[in-house]
Amino acid sequence: MRFATAAALINELVEAKHQLQLGRVLARWARYDLIAIDEVGYVPLAEVGAEFLFQVIAERAEKAAVIITTNLPFSEWTQVIPNARLCKALIDRITDRAHIIETGAESYRFRRTLEKRKGRTSMANMTYATPAAEKRDS
């Protein structure tokens, strides 16, 4: 299993291309039984980045599992992948025989932060006595 953000995956592939190691790095990514690509859609991809992402996913089609996380509905992916033909092909590969799980629009990180703040506020309003303080007061 391998986990990476979309940006990290693309950066790794761009660097491998500059070092003339792209084939080797792509082969390594193809060997994993499962890859998870996080944060697809947070940063617009340059043409070469979108092509690399497509290449990794297309090579795994019907061979190995891919998990993709994104904050965008597919209808908005052209904001991230400006080449409409490439975007459509990528979505086609991703959604073929896919299990799509929509978690809703609310960020779990934002919800967790609010819960922590609520907890701190409640705790700030409480008075605590340590055992040493209780002995002094007796």
C-alpha atoms as a PDB file:
ATOM      1  CA  MET A   1       0.000   0.000   0.000  1.00  0.00           C
ATOM      2  CA  ARG A   2       1.256   3.479  -0.804  1.00  0.00           C
ATOM      3  CA  PHE A   3      -0.208   6.822   0.245  1.00  0.00           C
ATOM      4  CA  ALA A   4       0.658  10.215  -1.225  1.00  0.00           C
ATOM      5  CA  THR A   5      -0.954  13.532  -1.883  1.00  0.00           C
ATOM      6  CA  ALA A   6      -1.575  14.274  -5.541  1.00  0.00           C
ATOM      7  CA  ALA A   7       1.032  17.033  -5.356  1.00  0.00           C
ATOM      8  CA  ALA A   8       3.654  14.709  -3.841  1.00  0.00           C
ATOM      9  CA  LEU A   9       2.985  12.015  -6.450  1.00  0.00           C
ATOM     10  CA  ILE A  10       3.254  14.480  -9.313  1.00  0.00           C
ATOM     11  CA  ASN A  11       6.395  16.085  -7.861  1.00  0.00           C
ATOM     12  CA  GLU A  12       7.980  12.645  -7.537  1.00  0.00           C
ATOM     13  CA  LEU A  13       7.183  11.843 -11.162  1.00  0.00           C
ATOM     14  CA  VAL A  14       8.391  15.221 -12.470  1.00  0.00           C
ATOM     15  CA  GLU A  15      11.655  14.797 -10.567  1.00  0.00           C
ATOM     16  CA  ALA A  16      12.031  11.241 -11.878  1.00  0.00           C
ATOM     17  CA  LYS A  17      11.559  12.487 -15.438  1.00  0.00           C
ATOM     18  CA  HIS A  18      14.307  15.091 -14.939  1.00  0.00           C
ATOM     19  CA  GLN A  19      16.596  12.360 -13.614  1.00  0.00           C
ATOM     20  CA  LEU A  20      15.670  10.052 -16.517  1.00  0.00           C
ATOM     21  CA  GLN A  21      14.123   7.595 -14.041  1.00  0.00           C
ATOM     22  CA  LEU A  22      10.438   7.996 -14.930  1.00  0.00           C
ATOM     23  CA  GLY A  23       9.969   4.425 -16.158  1.00  0.00           C
ATOM     24  CA  ARG A  24      11.462   3.002 -12.979  1.00  0.00           C
ATOM     25  CA  VAL A  25       9.313   5.204 -10.711  1.00  0.00           C
ATOM     26  CA  LEU A  26       6.121   4.458 -12.669  1.00  0.00           C
ATOM     27  CA  ALA A  27       6.898   0.735 -12.430  1.00  0.00           C
ATOM     28  CA  ARG A  28       7.302   1.072  -8.654  1.00  0.00           C
ATOM     29  CA  TRP A  29       3.901   2.781  -8.379  1.00  0.00           C
ATOM     30  CA  ALA A  30       2.363   0.018 -10.528  1.00  0.00           C
ATOM     31  CA  ARG A  31       3.593  -2.712  -8.158  1.00  0.00           C
ATOM     32  CA  TYR A  32       1.521  -1.621  -5.162  1.00  0.00           C
ATOM     33  CA  ASP A  33      -1.702  -3.553  -4.550  1.00  0.00           C
ATOM     34  CA  LEU A  34      -3.356  -0.343  -3.387  1.00  0.00           C
ATOM     35  CA  ILE A  35      -2.458   3.312  -3.743  1.00  0.00           C
ATOM     36  CA  ALA A  36      -4.228   6.209  -2.058  1.00  0.00           C
ATOM     37  CA  ILE A  37      -3.956   9.611  -3.706  1.00  0.00           C
ATOM     38  CA  ASP A  38      -5.082  12.345  -1.367  1.00  0.00           C
ATOM     39  CA  GLU A  39      -6.095  15.954  -2.004  1.00  0.00           C
ATOM     40  CA  VAL A  40      -6.938  15.687  -5.706  1.00  0.00           C
ATOM     41  CA  GLY A  41      -8.570  18.997  -6.499  1.00  0.00           C
ATOM     42  CA  TYR A  42      -6.933  21.225  -3.917  1.00  0.00           C
ATOM     43  CA  VAL A  43      -4.368  22.665  -6.318  1.00  0.00           C
ATOM     44  CA  PRO A  44      -4.812  23.095 -10.080  1.00  0.00           C
ATOM     45  CA  LEU A  45      -2.545  20.745 -11.995  1.00  0.00           C
ATOM     46  CA  ALA A  46      -0.213  21.806 -14.756  1.00  0.00           C
ATOM     47  CA  GLU A  47      -0.675  19.867 -17.989  1.00  0.00           C
ATOM     48  CA  VAL A  48       2.299  17.597 -17.289  1.00  0.00           C
ATOM     49  CA  GLY A  49       1.031  16.902 -13.756  1.00  0.00           C
ATOM     50  CA  ALA A  50      -2.413  15.941 -15.012  1.00  0.00           C
ATOM     51  CA  GLU A  51      -0.815  13.692 -17.629  1.00  0.00           C
ATOM     52  CA  PHE A  52       1.285  11.937 -14.969  1.00  0.00           C
ATOM     53  CA  LEU A  53      -1.747  11.453 -12.726  1.00  0.00           C
ATOM     54  CA  PHE A  54      -3.653   9.981 -15.669  1.00  0.00           C
ATOM     55  CA  GLN A  55      -0.745   7.701 -16.513  1.00  0.00           C
ATOM     56  CA  VAL A  56      -0.541   6.276 -12.982  1.00  0.00           C
ATOM     57  CA  ILE A  57      -4.292   5.680 -12.794  1.00  0.00           C
ATOM     58  CA  ALA A  58      -4.664   4.348 -16.342  1.00  0.00           C
ATOM     59  CA  GLU A  59      -1.854   1.832 -15.833  1.00  0.00           C
ATOM     60  CA  ARG A  60      -3.692   0.470 -12.780  1.00  0.00           C
ATOM     61  CA  ALA A  61      -7.113   0.250 -14.477  1.00  0.00           C
ATOM     62  CA  GLU A  62      -8.643  -3.182 -13.908  1.00  0.00           C
ATOM     63  CA  LYS A  63      -5.368  -4.394 -12.344  1.00  0.00           C
ATOM     64  CA  ALA A  64      -5.024  -2.815  -8.909  1.00  0.00           C
ATOM     65  CA  ALA A  65      -6.969  -0.638  -6.482  1.00  0.00           C
ATOM     66  CA  VAL A  66      -6.849   3.132  -6.205  1.00  0.00           C
ATOM     67  CA  ILE A  67      -8.340   5.367  -3.536  1.00  0.00           C
ATOM     68  CA  ILE A  68      -8.807   9.006  -4.488  1.00  0.00           C
ATOM     69  CA  THR A  69      -9.827  11.730  -2.048  1.00  0.00           C
ATOM     70  CA  THR A  70     -11.111  15.062  -3.269  1.00  0.00           C
ATOM     71  CA  ASN A  71     -13.162  18.002  -2.112  1.00  0.00           C
ATOM     72  CA  LEU A  72     -14.647  18.601  -5.563  1.00  0.00           C
ATOM     73  CA  PRO A  73     -17.540  16.945  -7.369  1.00  0.00           C
ATOM     74  CA  PHE A  74     -16.492  15.489 -10.716  1.00  0.00           C
ATOM     75  CA  SER A  75     -18.371  18.293 -12.476  1.00  0.00           C
ATOM     76  CA  GLU A  76     -15.777  20.752 -11.124  1.00  0.00           C
ATOM     77  CA  TRP A  77     -12.641  18.760 -11.954  1.00  0.00           C
ATOM     78  CA  THR A  78     -12.024  20.856 -15.071  1.00  0.00           C
ATOM     79  CA  GLN A  79     -11.010  23.627 -12.659  1.00  0.00           C
ATOM     80  CA  VAL A  80      -8.120  21.405 -11.595  1.00  0.00           C
ATOM     81  CA  ILE A  81      -7.450  19.617 -14.879  1.00  0.00           C
ATOM     82  CA  PRO A  82      -7.960  22.241 -17.581  1.00  0.00           C
ATOM     83  CA  ASN A  83      -7.597  19.832 -20.528  1.00  0.00           C
ATOM     84  CA  ALA A  84     -11.235  18.716 -20.794  1.00  0.00           C
ATOM     85  CA  ARG A  85     -10.434  15.581 -22.826  1.00  0.00           C
ATOM     86  CA  LEU A  86      -7.805  14.438 -20.321  1.00  0.00           C
ATOM     87  CA  CYS A  87     -10.105  15.295 -17.417  1.00  0.00           C
ATOM     88  CA  LYS A  88     -12.939  13.220 -18.908  1.00  0.00           C
ATOM     89  CA  ALA A  89     -10.606  10.283 -19.558  1.00  0.00           C
ATOM     90  CA  LEU A  90      -9.259  10.449 -16.001  1.00  0.00           C
ATOM     91  CA  ILE A  91     -12.744  10.525 -14.471  1.00  0.00           C
ATOM     92  CA  ASP A  92     -13.736   7.642 -16.742  1.00  0.00           C
ATOM     93  CA  ARG A  93     -10.837   5.514 -15.442  1.00  0.00           C
ATOM     94  CA  ILE A  94     -11.482   6.475 -11.821  1.00  0.00           C
ATOM     95  CA  THR A  95     -15.223   5.799 -11.872  1.00  0.00           C
ATOM     96  CA  ASP A  96     -15.162   2.524 -13.834  1.00  0.00           C
ATOM     97  CA  ARG A  97     -16.300  -0.146 -11.350  1.00  0.00           C
ATOM     98  CA  ALA A  98     -15.737   2.326  -8.520  1.00  0.00           C
ATOM     99  CA  HIS A  99     -17.306   2.590  -5.103  1.00  0.00           C
ATOM    100  CA  ILE A 100     -17.902   6.303  -4.665  1.00  0.00           C
ATOM    101  CA  ILE A 101     -18.343   7.411  -1.082  1.00  0.00           C
ATOM    102  CA  GLU A 102     -19.579  10.934  -0.533  1.00  0.00           C
ATOM    103  CA  THR A 103     -18.906  12.165   2.970  1.00  0.00           C
ATOM    104  CA  GLY A 104     -20.764  15.435   2.639  1.00  0.00           C
ATOM    105  CA  ALA A 105     -19.674  19.013   2.407  1.00  0.00           C
ATOM    106  CA  GLU A 106     -18.627  19.471   6.038  1.00  0.00           C
ATOM    107  CA  SER A 107     -14.937  19.032   6.743  1.00  0.00           C
ATOM    108  CA  TYR A 108     -14.198  16.567   9.524  1.00  0.00           C
ATOM    109  CA  ARG A 109     -11.105  18.644  10.417  1.00  0.00           C
ATOM    110  CA  PHE A 110     -13.247  21.760  10.842  1.00  0.00           C
ATOM    111  CA  ARG A 111     -15.779  19.811  12.922  1.00  0.00           C
ATOM    112  CA  ARG A 112     -12.966  18.379  15.095  1.00  0.00           C
ATOM    113  CA  THR A 113     -11.562  21.893  15.675  1.00  0.00           C
ATOM    114  CA  LEU A 114     -14.975  23.165  16.729  1.00  0.00           C
ATOM    115  CA  GLU A 115     -15.406  20.221  19.097  1.00  0.00           C
ATOM    116  CA  LYS A 116     -11.992  20.870  20.650  1.00  0.00           C
ATOM    117  CA  ARG A 117     -12.812  24.556  21.120  1.00  0.00           C
ATOM    118  CA  LYS A 118     -16.138  23.668  22.671  1.00  0.00           C
ATOM    119  CA  GLY A 119     -14.356  21.273  25.006  1.00  0.00           C
ATOM    120  CA  ARG A 120     -11.773  23.912  25.976  1.00  0.00           C
ATOM    121  CA  THR A 121     -14.488  26.476  26.628  1.00  0.00           C
ATOM    122  CA  SER A 122     -16.333  24.044  28.871  1.00  0.00           C
ATOM    123  CA  MET A 123     -13.120  23.130  30.664  1.00  0.00           C
ATOM    124  CA  ALA A 124     -12.159  26.801  31.078  1.00  0.00           C
ATOM    125  CA  ASN A 125     -15.385  27.412  32.964  1.00  0.00           C
ATOM    126  CA  MET A 126     -14.667  24.603  35.439  1.00  0.00           C
ATOM    127  CA  THR A 127     -12.715  24.927  38.687  1.00  0.00           C
ATOM    128  CA  TYR A 128     -10.364  22.102  39.567  1.00  0.00           C
ATOM    129  CA  ALA A 129      -8.866  21.330  42.962  1.00  0.00           C
ATOM    130  CA  THR A 130      -5.675  19.351  43.125  1.00  0.00           C
ATOM    131  CA  PRO A 131      -5.159  16.971  46.059  1.00  0.00           C
ATOM    132  CA  ALA A 132      -2.482  19.303  47.445  1.00  0.00           C
ATOM    133  CA  ALA A 133      -4.869  22.265  47.376  1.00  0.00           C
ATOM    134  CA  GLU A 134      -7.561  20.218  49.124  1.00  0.00           C
ATOM    135  CA  LYS A 135      -5.155  19.350  51.961  1.00  0.00           C
ATOM    136  CA  ARG A 136      -4.167  23.023  52.406  1.00  0.00           C
ATOM    137  CA  ASP A 137      -7.806  24.082  52.591  1.00  0.00           C
ATOM    138  CA  SER A 138      -8.637  21.531  55.303  1.00  0.00           C
END
